[in-house]
Amino acid sequence: MENAVSRIQRVQDEMFSCFFVEGDWPGKKRTPINSVVDIMKDQVSKDLGVLHHQVGPETLKQWRKKGFQPVRFEEWWKEPNEEERKDAEAQWWQSH
């Protein structure tokens, strides 16, 4: 039986493998993973017109099928500003 931490890591890895160029995932950087996941979900939700809390591995696969290309982490990532942090926090509370 898979424990919760393992499941979360597996789901994140699946999403990262669709969204980021292979081998260029944030887990290899010193970046807060929760912020990366929230901002990645926000971008995909806007690109596909789905709710933020509905974004998961299957949604990322649809995103790729629609023609969106994986991104290089270093080119995509920027530290979120205060407004983006508040938005991400509000979305998190809405989804939990």
PDB file of N, CA and C in Angstrom:
ATOM      1  N   MET A   1       0.836  -1.178   0.000  1.00  0.00           N
ATOM      2  CA  MET A   1       0.000   0.000   0.000  1.00  0.00           C
ATOM      3  C   MET A   1       0.884   1.247   0.000  1.00  0.00           C
ATOM      4  N   GLU A   2       0.544   2.147  -0.864  1.00  0.00           N
ATOM      5  CA  GLU A   2       1.320   3.372  -1.018  1.00  0.00           C
ATOM      6  C   GLU A   2       0.952   4.365   0.090  1.00  0.00           C
ATOM      7  N   ASN A   3       1.967   4.920   0.753  1.00  0.00           N
ATOM      8  CA  ASN A   3       1.654   5.915   1.786  1.00  0.00           C
ATOM      9  C   ASN A   3       1.423   7.280   1.148  1.00  0.00           C
ATOM     10  N   ALA A   4       0.888   8.209   1.918  1.00  0.00           N
ATOM     11  CA  ALA A   4       0.489   9.512   1.394  1.00  0.00           C
ATOM     12  C   ALA A   4       1.660  10.290   0.802  1.00  0.00           C
ATOM     13  N   VAL A   5       2.793  10.273   1.462  1.00  0.00           N
ATOM     14  CA  VAL A   5       3.960  11.017   0.974  1.00  0.00           C
ATOM     15  C   VAL A   5       4.422  10.451  -0.362  1.00  0.00           C
ATOM     16  N   SER A   6       4.467   9.140  -0.466  1.00  0.00           N
ATOM     17  CA  SER A   6       4.877   8.496  -1.721  1.00  0.00           C
ATOM     18  C   SER A   6       3.903   8.824  -2.847  1.00  0.00           C
ATOM     19  N   ARG A   7       2.612   8.829  -2.525  1.00  0.00           N
ATOM     20  CA  ARG A   7       1.597   9.134  -3.538  1.00  0.00           C
ATOM     21  C   ARG A   7       1.742  10.572  -4.030  1.00  0.00           C
ATOM     22  N   ILE A   8       1.922  11.507  -3.107  1.00  0.00           N
ATOM     23  CA  ILE A   8       2.096  12.914  -3.492  1.00  0.00           C
ATOM     24  C   ILE A   8       3.325  13.073  -4.367  1.00  0.00           C
ATOM     25  N   GLN A   9       4.420  12.430  -4.000  1.00  0.00           N
ATOM     26  CA  GLN A   9       5.654  12.512  -4.785  1.00  0.00           C
ATOM     27  C   GLN A   9       5.456  11.920  -6.179  1.00  0.00           C
ATOM     28  N   ARG A  10       4.742  10.789  -6.259  1.00  0.00           N
ATOM     29  CA  ARG A  10       4.488  10.152  -7.549  1.00  0.00           C
ATOM     30  C   ARG A  10       3.639  11.060  -8.446  1.00  0.00           C
ATOM     31  N   VAL A  11       2.597  11.661  -7.875  1.00  0.00           N
ATOM     32  CA  VAL A  11       1.726  12.553  -8.635  1.00  0.00           C
ATOM     33  C   VAL A  11       2.511  13.774  -9.118  1.00  0.00           C
ATOM     34  N   GLN A  12       3.317  14.369  -8.238  1.00  0.00           N
ATOM     35  CA  GLN A  12       4.134  15.521  -8.641  1.00  0.00           C
ATOM     36  C   GLN A  12       5.100  15.131  -9.754  1.00  0.00           C
ATOM     37  N   ASP A  13       5.735  13.992  -9.627  1.00  0.00           N
ATOM     38  CA  ASP A  13       6.672  13.547 -10.663  1.00  0.00           C
ATOM     39  C   ASP A  13       5.967  13.358 -12.003  1.00  0.00           C
ATOM     40  N   GLU A  14       4.761  12.805 -11.980  1.00  0.00           N
ATOM     41  CA  GLU A  14       3.999  12.632 -13.223  1.00  0.00           C
ATOM     42  C   GLU A  14       3.683  13.984 -13.857  1.00  0.00           C
ATOM     43  N   MET A  15       3.253  14.939 -13.029  1.00  0.00           N
ATOM     44  CA  MET A  15       2.924  16.261 -13.559  1.00  0.00           C
ATOM     45  C   MET A  15       4.176  16.964 -14.085  1.00  0.00           C
ATOM     46  N   PHE A  16       5.278  16.886 -13.323  1.00  0.00           N
ATOM     47  CA  PHE A  16       6.518  17.525 -13.760  1.00  0.00           C
ATOM     48  C   PHE A  16       7.022  16.923 -15.064  1.00  0.00           C
ATOM     49  N   SER A  17       6.853  15.618 -15.249  1.00  0.00           N
ATOM     50  CA  SER A  17       7.355  14.976 -16.472  1.00  0.00           C
ATOM     51  C   SER A  17       6.602  15.467 -17.704  1.00  0.00           C
ATOM     52  N   CYS A  18       5.369  15.917 -17.539  1.00  0.00           N
ATOM     53  CA  CYS A  18       4.611  16.478 -18.660  1.00  0.00           C
ATOM     54  C   CYS A  18       4.924  17.958 -18.872  1.00  0.00           C
ATOM     55  N   PHE A  19       5.100  18.687 -17.781  1.00  0.00           N
ATOM     56  CA  PHE A  19       5.215  20.141 -17.861  1.00  0.00           C
ATOM     57  C   PHE A  19       6.631  20.626 -18.148  1.00  0.00           C
ATOM     58  N   PHE A  20       7.625  19.943 -17.582  1.00  0.00           N
ATOM     59  CA  PHE A  20       9.011  20.388 -17.724  1.00  0.00           C
ATOM     60  C   PHE A  20       9.788  19.511 -18.698  1.00  0.00           C
ATOM     61  N   VAL A  21      10.793  20.097 -19.323  1.00  0.00           N
ATOM     62  CA  VAL A  21      11.714  19.352 -20.167  1.00  0.00           C
ATOM     63  C   VAL A  21      12.336  18.243 -19.316  1.00  0.00           C
ATOM     64  N   GLU A  22      12.477  17.068 -19.894  1.00  0.00           N
ATOM     65  CA  GLU A  22      12.994  15.920 -19.145  1.00  0.00           C
ATOM     66  C   GLU A  22      14.324  16.236 -18.464  1.00  0.00           C
ATOM     67  N   GLY A  23      14.402  15.882 -17.193  1.00  0.00           N
ATOM     68  CA  GLY A  23      15.621  16.093 -16.422  1.00  0.00           C
ATOM     69  C   GLY A  23      15.787  17.507 -15.890  1.00  0.00           C
ATOM     70  N   ASP A  24      14.832  18.385 -16.166  1.00  0.00           N
ATOM     71  CA  ASP A  24      14.939  19.780 -15.743  1.00  0.00           C
ATOM     72  C   ASP A  24      13.816  20.117 -14.769  1.00  0.00           C
ATOM     73  N   TRP A  25      13.639  19.262 -13.774  1.00  0.00           N
ATOM     74  CA  TRP A  25      12.563  19.436 -12.813  1.00  0.00           C
ATOM     75  C   TRP A  25      13.032  20.239 -11.622  1.00  0.00           C
ATOM     76  N   PRO A  26      12.099  20.903 -10.946  1.00  0.00           N
ATOM     77  CA  PRO A  26      12.471  21.732  -9.797  1.00  0.00           C
ATOM     78  C   PRO A  26      12.983  20.950  -8.598  1.00  0.00           C
ATOM     79  N   GLY A  27      12.723  19.669  -8.504  1.00  0.00           N
ATOM     80  CA  GLY A  27      13.208  18.883  -7.375  1.00  0.00           C
ATOM     81  C   GLY A  27      14.719  18.872  -7.286  1.00  0.00           C
ATOM     82  N   LYS A  28      15.356  19.185  -8.397  1.00  0.00           N
ATOM     83  CA  LYS A  28      16.816  19.209  -8.426  1.00  0.00           C
ATOM     84  C   LYS A  28      17.361  20.604  -8.111  1.00  0.00           C
ATOM     85  N   LYS A  29      16.461  21.528  -7.861  1.00  0.00           N
ATOM     86  CA  LYS A  29      16.839  22.915  -7.563  1.00  0.00           C
ATOM     87  C   LYS A  29      16.478  23.214  -6.119  1.00  0.00           C
ATOM     88  N   ARG A  30      16.911  24.344  -5.641  1.00  0.00           N
ATOM     89  CA  ARG A  30      16.522  24.779  -4.294  1.00  0.00           C
ATOM     90  C   ARG A  30      15.330  25.734  -4.419  1.00  0.00           C
ATOM     91  N   THR A  31      14.195  25.156  -4.697  1.00  0.00           N
ATOM     92  CA  THR A  31      12.977  25.922  -4.928  1.00  0.00           C
ATOM     93  C   THR A  31      11.855  25.309  -4.108  1.00  0.00           C
ATOM     94  N   PRO A  32      10.983  26.129  -3.529  1.00  0.00           N
ATOM     95  CA  PRO A  32       9.852  25.571  -2.774  1.00  0.00           C
ATOM     96  C   PRO A  32       8.886  24.842  -3.710  1.00  0.00           C
ATOM     97  N   ILE A  33       8.834  23.524  -3.600  1.00  0.00           N
ATOM     98  CA  ILE A  33       8.049  22.692  -4.512  1.00  0.00           C
ATOM     99  C   ILE A  33       6.573  23.065  -4.497  1.00  0.00           C
ATOM    100  N   ASN A  34       6.009  23.374  -3.335  1.00  0.00           N
ATOM    101  CA  ASN A  34       4.590  23.725  -3.289  1.00  0.00           C
ATOM    102  C   ASN A  34       4.289  24.944  -4.135  1.00  0.00           C
ATOM    103  N   SER A  35       5.167  25.930  -4.132  1.00  0.00           N
ATOM    104  CA  SER A  35       4.973  27.114  -4.968  1.00  0.00           C
ATOM    105  C   SER A  35       5.029  26.741  -6.440  1.00  0.00           C
ATOM    106  N   VAL A  36       5.967  25.881  -6.798  1.00  0.00           N
ATOM    107  CA  VAL A  36       6.101  25.446  -8.197  1.00  0.00           C
ATOM    108  C   VAL A  36       4.829  24.734  -8.638  1.00  0.00           C
ATOM    109  N   VAL A  37       4.342  23.816  -7.825  1.00  0.00           N
ATOM    110  CA  VAL A  37       3.136  23.059  -8.172  1.00  0.00           C
ATOM    111  C   VAL A  37       1.953  24.002  -8.328  1.00  0.00           C
ATOM    112  N   ASP A  38       1.774  24.947  -7.403  1.00  0.00           N
ATOM    113  CA  ASP A  38       0.644  25.873  -7.479  1.00  0.00           C
ATOM    114  C   ASP A  38       0.712  26.746  -8.726  1.00  0.00           C
ATOM    115  N   ILE A  39       1.875  27.262  -9.041  1.00  0.00           N
ATOM    116  CA  ILE A  39       2.007  28.139 -10.211  1.00  0.00           C
ATOM    117  C   ILE A  39       1.869  27.334 -11.499  1.00  0.00           C
ATOM    118  N   MET A  40       2.400  26.110 -11.522  1.00  0.00           N
ATOM    119  CA  MET A  40       2.240  25.236 -12.679  1.00  0.00           C
ATOM    120  C   MET A  40       0.747  24.941 -12.890  1.00  0.00           C
ATOM    121  N   LYS A  41       0.037  24.583 -11.824  1.00  0.00           N
ATOM    122  CA  LYS A  41      -1.394  24.297 -11.924  1.00  0.00           C
ATOM    123  C   LYS A  41      -2.160  25.535 -12.398  1.00  0.00           C
ATOM    124  N   ASP A  42      -1.766  26.710 -11.916  1.00  0.00           N
ATOM    125  CA  ASP A  42      -2.420  27.944 -12.315  1.00  0.00           C
ATOM    126  C   ASP A  42      -2.265  28.169 -13.815  1.00  0.00           C
ATOM    127  N   GLN A  43      -1.061  27.976 -14.328  1.00  0.00           N
ATOM    128  CA  GLN A  43      -0.836  28.172 -15.757  1.00  0.00           C
ATOM    129  C   GLN A  43      -1.645  27.186 -16.586  1.00  0.00           C
ATOM    130  N   VAL A  44      -1.612  25.913 -16.203  1.00  0.00           N
ATOM    131  CA  VAL A  44      -2.339  24.889 -16.953  1.00  0.00           C
ATOM    132  C   VAL A  44      -3.844  25.136 -16.874  1.00  0.00           C
ATOM    133  N   SER A  45      -4.333  25.537 -15.702  1.00  0.00           N
ATOM    134  CA  SER A  45      -5.772  25.794 -15.573  1.00  0.00           C
ATOM    135  C   SER A  45      -6.201  26.932 -16.490  1.00  0.00           C
ATOM    136  N   LYS A  46      -5.383  27.956 -16.615  1.00  0.00           N
ATOM    137  CA  LYS A  46      -5.696  29.070 -17.515  1.00  0.00           C
ATOM    138  C   LYS A  46      -5.582  28.644 -18.974  1.00  0.00           C
ATOM    139  N   ASP A  47      -4.559  27.859 -19.301  1.00  0.00           N
ATOM    140  CA  ASP A  47      -4.381  27.404 -20.684  1.00  0.00           C
ATOM    141  C   ASP A  47      -5.549  26.542 -21.156  1.00  0.00           C
ATOM    142  N   LEU A  48      -6.073  25.693 -20.265  1.00  0.00           N
ATOM    143  CA  LEU A  48      -7.132  24.756 -20.644  1.00  0.00           C
ATOM    144  C   LEU A  48      -8.532  25.206 -20.232  1.00  0.00           C
ATOM    145  N   GLY A  49      -8.620  26.248 -19.415  1.00  0.00           N
ATOM    146  CA  GLY A  49      -9.921  26.719 -18.962  1.00  0.00           C
ATOM    147  C   GLY A  49     -10.585  25.771 -17.973  1.00  0.00           C
ATOM    148  N   VAL A  50      -9.780  25.159 -17.104  1.00  0.00           N
ATOM    149  CA  VAL A  50     -10.316  24.280 -16.058  1.00  0.00           C
ATOM    150  C   VAL A  50     -10.009  24.899 -14.693  1.00  0.00           C
ATOM    151  N   LEU A  51     -10.681  24.391 -13.680  1.00  0.00           N
ATOM    152  CA  LEU A  51     -10.447  24.899 -12.337  1.00  0.00           C
ATOM    153  C   LEU A  51      -9.089  24.431 -11.814  1.00  0.00           C
ATOM    154  N   HIS A  52      -8.446  25.292 -11.046  1.00  0.00           N
ATOM    155  CA  HIS A  52      -7.110  25.032 -10.502  1.00  0.00           C
ATOM    156  C   HIS A  52      -7.051  23.710  -9.746  1.00  0.00           C
ATOM    157  N   HIS A  53      -8.036  23.449  -8.911  1.00  0.00           N
ATOM    158  CA  HIS A  53      -7.992  22.240  -8.086  1.00  0.00           C
ATOM    159  C   HIS A  53      -8.255  20.961  -8.880  1.00  0.00           C
ATOM    160  N   GLN A  54      -8.657  21.086 -10.143  1.00  0.00           N
ATOM    161  CA  GLN A  54      -8.889  19.914 -10.981  1.00  0.00           C
ATOM    162  C   GLN A  54      -7.643  19.495 -11.760  1.00  0.00           C
ATOM    163  N   VAL A  55      -6.596  20.279 -11.681  1.00  0.00           N
ATOM    164  CA  VAL A  55      -5.382  19.976 -12.443  1.00  0.00           C
ATOM    165  C   VAL A  55      -4.603  18.868 -11.745  1.00  0.00           C
ATOM    166  N   GLY A  56      -4.338  17.813 -12.485  1.00  0.00           N
ATOM    167  CA  GLY A  56      -3.561  16.674 -12.008  1.00  0.00           C
ATOM    168  C   GLY A  56      -2.817  16.061 -13.179  1.00  0.00           C
ATOM    169  N   PRO A  57      -2.252  14.885 -12.999  1.00  0.00           N
ATOM    170  CA  PRO A  57      -1.476  14.262 -14.072  1.00  0.00           C
ATOM    171  C   PRO A  57      -2.251  14.105 -15.381  1.00  0.00           C
ATOM    172  N   GLU A  58      -3.517  13.698 -15.311  1.00  0.00           N
ATOM    173  CA  GLU A  58      -4.306  13.521 -16.539  1.00  0.00           C
ATOM    174  C   GLU A  58      -4.530  14.849 -17.248  1.00  0.00           C
ATOM    175  N   THR A  59      -4.728  15.915 -16.477  1.00  0.00           N
ATOM    176  CA  THR A  59      -4.911  17.240 -17.058  1.00  0.00           C
ATOM    177  C   THR A  59      -3.638  17.682 -17.779  1.00  0.00           C
ATOM    178  N   LEU A  60      -2.488  17.384 -17.172  1.00  0.00           N
ATOM    179  CA  LEU A  60      -1.210  17.737 -17.803  1.00  0.00           C
ATOM    180  C   LEU A  60      -1.023  16.957 -19.105  1.00  0.00           C
ATOM    181  N   LYS A  61      -1.463  15.716 -19.151  1.00  0.00           N
ATOM    182  CA  LYS A  61      -1.383  14.931 -20.386  1.00  0.00           C
ATOM    183  C   LYS A  61      -2.268  15.561 -21.470  1.00  0.00           C
ATOM    184  N   GLN A  62      -3.456  16.026 -21.085  1.00  0.00           N
ATOM    185  CA  GLN A  62      -4.332  16.731 -22.032  1.00  0.00           C
ATOM    186  C   GLN A  62      -3.668  18.018 -22.514  1.00  0.00           C
ATOM    187  N   TRP A  63      -3.014  18.718 -21.601  1.00  0.00           N
ATOM    188  CA  TRP A  63      -2.314  19.968 -21.927  1.00  0.00           C
ATOM    189  C   TRP A  63      -1.289  19.720 -23.024  1.00  0.00           C
ATOM    190  N   ARG A  64      -0.524  18.633 -22.876  1.00  0.00           N
ATOM    191  CA  ARG A  64       0.472  18.272 -23.893  1.00  0.00           C
ATOM    192  C   ARG A  64      -0.204  17.896 -25.207  1.00  0.00           C
ATOM    193  N   LYS A  65      -1.291  17.124 -25.151  1.00  0.00           N
ATOM    194  CA  LYS A  65      -2.001  16.713 -26.367  1.00  0.00           C
ATOM    195  C   LYS A  65      -2.561  17.907 -27.121  1.00  0.00           C
ATOM    196  N   LYS A  66      -2.873  18.984 -26.399  1.00  0.00           N
ATOM    197  CA  LYS A  66      -3.387  20.207 -27.031  1.00  0.00           C
ATOM    198  C   LYS A  66      -2.274  21.000 -27.715  1.00  0.00           C
ATOM    199  N   GLY A  67      -1.041  20.534 -27.597  1.00  0.00           N
ATOM    200  CA  GLY A  67       0.056  21.182 -28.299  1.00  0.00           C
ATOM    201  C   GLY A  67       0.967  22.044 -27.448  1.00  0.00           C
ATOM    202  N   PHE A  68       0.707  22.140 -26.168  1.00  0.00           N
ATOM    203  CA  PHE A  68       1.593  22.903 -25.296  1.00  0.00           C
ATOM    204  C   PHE A  68       2.889  22.115 -25.101  1.00  0.00           C
ATOM    205  N   GLN A  69       3.990  22.811 -25.156  1.00  0.00           N
ATOM    206  CA  GLN A  69       5.298  22.175 -25.071  1.00  0.00           C
ATOM    207  C   GLN A  69       5.877  22.279 -23.670  1.00  0.00           C
ATOM    208  N   PRO A  70       6.665  21.272 -23.277  1.00  0.00           N
ATOM    209  CA  PRO A  70       7.314  21.346 -21.967  1.00  0.00           C
ATOM    210  C   PRO A  70       8.266  22.542 -21.906  1.00  0.00           C
ATOM    211  N   VAL A  71       8.428  23.053 -20.709  1.00  0.00           N
ATOM    212  CA  VAL A  71       9.252  24.249 -20.520  1.00  0.00           C
ATOM    213  C   VAL A  71      10.526  23.898 -19.757  1.00  0.00           C
ATOM    214  N   ARG A  72      11.537  24.735 -19.931  1.00  0.00           N
ATOM    215  CA  ARG A  72      12.770  24.611 -19.142  1.00  0.00           C
ATOM    216  C   ARG A  72      12.519  25.351 -17.831  1.00  0.00           C
ATOM    217  N   PHE A  73      12.794  24.672 -16.743  1.00  0.00           N
ATOM    218  CA  PHE A  73      12.504  25.248 -15.430  1.00  0.00           C
ATOM    219  C   PHE A  73      13.156  26.609 -15.243  1.00  0.00           C
ATOM    220  N   GLU A  74      14.428  26.721 -15.562  1.00  0.00           N
ATOM    221  CA  GLU A  74      15.167  27.972 -15.339  1.00  0.00           C
ATOM    222  C   GLU A  74      14.582  29.134 -16.142  1.00  0.00           C
ATOM    223  N   GLU A  75      14.017  28.858 -17.315  1.00  0.00           N
ATOM    224  CA  GLU A  75      13.425  29.915 -18.135  1.00  0.00           C
ATOM    225  C   GLU A  75      12.019  30.272 -17.668  1.00  0.00           C
ATOM    226  N   TRP A  76      11.320  29.305 -17.112  1.00  0.00           N
ATOM    227  CA  TRP A  76       9.929  29.481 -16.708  1.00  0.00           C
ATOM    228  C   TRP A  76       9.789  30.078 -15.307  1.00  0.00           C
ATOM    229  N   TRP A  77      10.603  29.614 -14.372  1.00  0.00           N
ATOM    230  CA  TRP A  77      10.433  29.971 -12.964  1.00  0.00           C
ATOM    231  C   TRP A  77      10.870  31.384 -12.656  1.00  0.00           C
ATOM    232  N   LYS A  78      10.052  32.068 -11.890  1.00  0.00           N
ATOM    233  CA  LYS A  78      10.431  33.334 -11.255  1.00  0.00           C
ATOM    234  C   LYS A  78       9.794  33.308  -9.881  1.00  0.00           C
ATOM    235  N   GLU A  79      10.467  33.862  -8.919  1.00  0.00           N
ATOM    236  CA  GLU A  79       9.922  33.894  -7.563  1.00  0.00           C
ATOM    237  C   GLU A  79       8.592  34.644  -7.585  1.00  0.00           C
ATOM    238  N   PRO A  80       7.567  34.073  -6.975  1.00  0.00           N
ATOM    239  CA  PRO A  80       6.271  34.760  -6.977  1.00  0.00           C
ATOM    240  C   PRO A  80       6.313  36.036  -6.140  1.00  0.00           C
ATOM    241  N   ASN A  81       5.616  37.056  -6.647  1.00  0.00           N
ATOM    242  CA  ASN A  81       5.521  38.290  -5.872  1.00  0.00           C
ATOM    243  C   ASN A  81       4.411  38.130  -4.827  1.00  0.00           C
ATOM    244  N   GLU A  82       4.186  39.135  -4.034  1.00  0.00           N
ATOM    245  CA  GLU A  82       3.224  39.043  -2.926  1.00  0.00           C
ATOM    246  C   GLU A  82       1.814  38.730  -3.435  1.00  0.00           C
ATOM    247  N   GLU A  83       1.405  39.374  -4.522  1.00  0.00           N
ATOM    248  CA  GLU A  83       0.063  39.138  -5.063  1.00  0.00           C
ATOM    249  C   GLU A  83      -0.085  37.696  -5.544  1.00  0.00           C
ATOM    250  N   GLU A  84       0.929  37.172  -6.218  1.00  0.00           N
ATOM    251  CA  GLU A  84       0.890  35.786  -6.685  1.00  0.00           C
ATOM    252  C   GLU A  84       0.856  34.809  -5.516  1.00  0.00           C
ATOM    253  N   ARG A  85       1.578  35.117  -4.453  1.00  0.00           N
ATOM    254  CA  ARG A  85       1.548  34.258  -3.259  1.00  0.00           C
ATOM    255  C   ARG A  85       0.152  34.234  -2.641  1.00  0.00           C
ATOM    256  N   LYS A  86      -0.474  35.404  -2.570  1.00  0.00           N
ATOM    257  CA  LYS A  86      -1.826  35.481  -2.013  1.00  0.00           C
ATOM    258  C   LYS A  86      -2.812  34.708  -2.887  1.00  0.00           C
ATOM    259  N   ASP A  87      -2.695  34.851  -4.214  1.00  0.00           N
ATOM    260  CA  ASP A  87      -3.573  34.119  -5.130  1.00  0.00           C
ATOM    261  C   ASP A  87      -3.399  32.615  -4.966  1.00  0.00           C
ATOM    262  N   ALA A  88      -2.151  32.167  -4.889  1.00  0.00           N
ATOM    263  CA  ALA A  88      -1.879  30.734  -4.736  1.00  0.00           C
ATOM    264  C   ALA A  88      -2.438  30.228  -3.409  1.00  0.00           C
ATOM    265  N   GLU A  89      -2.288  31.018  -2.364  1.00  0.00           N
ATOM    266  CA  GLU A  89      -2.813  30.617  -1.063  1.00  0.00           C
ATOM    267  C   GLU A  89      -4.335  30.554  -1.087  1.00  0.00           C
ATOM    268  N   ALA A  90      -4.979  31.527  -1.727  1.00  0.00           N
ATOM    269  CA  ALA A  90      -6.442  31.533  -1.824  1.00  0.00           C
ATOM    270  C   ALA A  90      -6.926  30.325  -2.614  1.00  0.00           C
ATOM    271  N   GLN A  91      -6.231  29.994  -3.702  1.00  0.00           N
ATOM    272  CA  GLN A  91      -6.616  28.825  -4.496  1.00  0.00           C
ATOM    273  C   GLN A  91      -6.440  27.549  -3.698  1.00  0.00           C
ATOM    274  N   TRP A  92      -5.395  27.489  -2.905  1.00  0.00           N
ATOM    275  CA  TRP A  92      -5.172  26.304  -2.080  1.00  0.00           C
ATOM    276  C   TRP A  92      -6.330  26.134  -1.097  1.00  0.00           C
ATOM    277  N   TRP A  93      -6.716  27.218  -0.434  1.00  0.00           N
ATOM    278  CA  TRP A  93      -7.806  27.133   0.549  1.00  0.00           C
ATOM    279  C   TRP A  93      -9.117  26.759  -0.127  1.00  0.00           C
ATOM    280  N   GLN A  94      -9.347  27.243  -1.348  1.00  0.00           N
ATOM    281  CA  GLN A  94     -10.584  26.906  -2.059  1.00  0.00           C
ATOM    282  C   GLN A  94     -10.641  25.434  -2.434  1.00  0.00           C
ATOM    283  N   SER A  95      -9.471  24.846  -2.657  1.00  0.00           N
ATOM    284  CA  SER A  95      -9.443  23.442  -3.101  1.00  0.00           C
ATOM    285  C   SER A  95      -9.380  22.463  -1.943  1.00  0.00           C
ATOM    286  N   HIS A  96      -9.250  22.936  -0.710  1.00  0.00           N
ATOM    287  CA  HIS A  96      -9.152  22.024   0.448  1.00  0.00           C
ATOM    288  C   HIS A  96     -10.298  22.198   1.405  1.00  0.00           C
TER     289      HIS A  96
END
